[in-house]
Protein backbone atom coordinates (compact mmCIF):
# COMPACT_ATOMS: atom_id res chain seq x y z
CA MET A 1 -0.04 0.08 0.04
CA LYS A 2 2.83 2.33 0.82
CA LYS A 3 4.59 1.58 -2.31
CA THR A 4 1.32 2.40 -4.34
CA LEU A 5 0.91 5.75 -2.51
CA TYR A 6 4.49 6.55 -3.31
CA LEU A 7 4.06 5.92 -7.07
CA LEU A 8 0.78 7.91 -7.07
CA GLY A 9 2.50 10.83 -5.41
CA ILE A 10 5.31 10.70 -8.06
CA PHE A 11 2.73 10.51 -10.92
CA ALA A 12 0.75 13.41 -9.33
CA ALA A 13 3.86 15.53 -9.10
CA LEU A 14 4.79 14.86 -12.62
CA SER A 15 1.39 15.72 -13.88
CA LEU A 16 1.32 19.14 -12.26
CA PRO A 17 2.58 20.96 -15.34
CA LEU A 18 -0.21 19.53 -17.36
CA LEU A 19 -2.75 20.93 -14.89
CA ALA A 20 -0.98 24.31 -14.86
CA GLY A 21 -1.30 24.23 -18.75
CA ALA A 22 -5.01 24.05 -18.40
CA GLN A 23 -5.13 27.84 -17.89
CA ILE A 24 -3.90 28.75 -21.33
CA PRO A 25 -6.02 28.25 -24.45
CA LEU A 26 -5.23 25.17 -26.44
CA PRO A 27 -3.99 25.17 -29.94
CA GLY A 28 -6.03 23.57 -32.55
CA GLY A 29 -8.55 26.12 -33.69
CA ASN A 30 -11.57 27.88 -32.26
CA PRO A 31 -13.12 25.86 -29.64
CA SER A 32 -16.54 27.13 -30.71
CA GLN A 33 -16.27 25.23 -34.08
CA VAL A 34 -16.73 21.34 -34.12
CA GLY A 35 -13.36 20.72 -35.66
CA GLY A 36 -11.58 22.81 -32.96
CA VAL A 37 -13.45 20.95 -30.21
CA ILE A 38 -12.55 17.56 -31.66
CA GLN A 39 -8.94 18.56 -32.19
CA ASN A 40 -8.72 19.68 -28.62
CA ILE A 41 -10.23 16.35 -27.22
CA ILE A 42 -7.75 14.42 -29.49
CA ASP A 43 -4.91 16.49 -28.15
CA PHE A 44 -5.84 16.04 -24.52
CA VAL A 45 -6.33 12.30 -24.93
CA THR A 46 -3.02 11.62 -26.69
CA ASN A 47 -1.19 13.87 -24.18
CA PHE A 48 -2.69 11.99 -21.28
CA ILE A 49 -1.66 8.60 -22.84
CA PHE A 50 1.85 9.99 -23.30
CA ILE A 51 2.04 11.00 -19.67
CA VAL A 52 0.68 7.85 -18.43
CA ALA A 53 3.08 5.87 -20.67
CA VAL A 54 5.99 7.82 -19.28
CA GLY A 55 4.83 7.07 -15.76
CA PHE A 56 4.81 3.36 -16.67
CA ILE A 57 8.38 3.60 -17.95
CA ILE A 58 9.45 5.24 -14.68
CA TYR A 59 7.72 2.45 -12.80
CA ALA A 60 9.46 -0.19 -14.92
CA ALA A 61 12.80 1.46 -14.23
CA TYR A 62 12.03 1.39 -10.48
CA LEU A 63 11.26 -2.47 -10.87
CA TYR A 64 14.41 -3.02 -12.72
CA LEU A 65 16.55 -1.14 -10.38
CA THR A 66 15.08 -2.85 -7.24
CA SER A 67 14.93 -6.34 -8.81
CA SER A 68 18.29 -7.35 -7.09
CA GLY A 69 18.87 -9.89 -9.89
CA GLU A 70 15.59 -11.54 -9.54
CA GLN A 71 14.65 -12.75 -13.03
CA GLU A 72 10.75 -12.48 -12.52
CA LYS A 73 11.00 -8.66 -11.71
CA VAL A 74 13.47 -7.97 -14.53
CA THR A 75 10.97 -9.81 -16.87
CA GLU A 76 8.07 -7.83 -15.59
CA ALA A 77 10.04 -4.68 -15.98
CA ARG A 78 10.87 -5.40 -19.55
CA LYS A 79 7.27 -6.22 -20.27
CA VAL A 80 5.99 -2.89 -18.84
CA ILE A 81 8.66 -0.93 -20.84
CA THR A 82 7.61 -2.74 -23.96
CA TYR A 83 3.81 -2.09 -23.44
CA ALA A 84 4.66 1.59 -22.64
CA ILE A 85 6.61 1.98 -25.75
CA VAL A 86 3.87 0.27 -27.79
CA ALA A 87 1.23 2.63 -26.22
CA ILE A 88 3.35 5.77 -27.20
CA ILE A 89 3.73 4.59 -30.76
CA ILE A 90 -0.01 3.71 -31.02
CA ALA A 91 -0.96 7.14 -29.71
CA PHE A 92 1.35 8.87 -31.97
CA LEU A 93 0.01 7.05 -34.95
CA ALA A 94 -3.43 7.60 -34.00
CA ARG A 95 -2.93 11.26 -33.59
CA SER A 96 -1.06 11.43 -36.94
CA ILE A 97 -3.75 9.46 -38.84
CA ILE A 98 -6.63 11.53 -37.39
CA SER A 99 -4.82 14.67 -38.32
CA PHE A 100 -4.02 13.56 -41.78
CA ILE A 101 -7.71 12.61 -42.46
CA ALA A 102 -9.01 15.86 -40.79
CA ASN A 103 -6.63 17.90 -42.87
CA SER A 104 -7.42 16.01 -46.13
CA ILE A 105 -11.18 16.50 -45.45
CA LEU A 106 -11.30 20.12 -44.24
CA HIS A 107 -8.63 21.46 -46.86
CA THR A 108 -9.88 19.84 -49.94
CA THR A 109 -10.27 22.21 -52.93
CA VAL A 110 -12.96 21.48 -55.49
């Protein structure tokens, strides 16, 4: 339990800059337009995924450093790092694909 609270505290401290950034307007267009709202939602979700994935990488590094040579903990740390990297790649690809589709739909000339 103490370990979980410790990790939660670290994650909360790392997410404070994101909360402070909530006071400035988000890029991505005019929020009163539907496209701007959708872009803001996509940006928020992908940024959240990036932050959570970095938190898992830090957790995996902690597992790896405290494994004391135990093969089970080393294997678990490698799995967590692999899953976090895959999550970052998928979030980046999703953001890129959605932006590409939105730009091709909205900026089509007839």
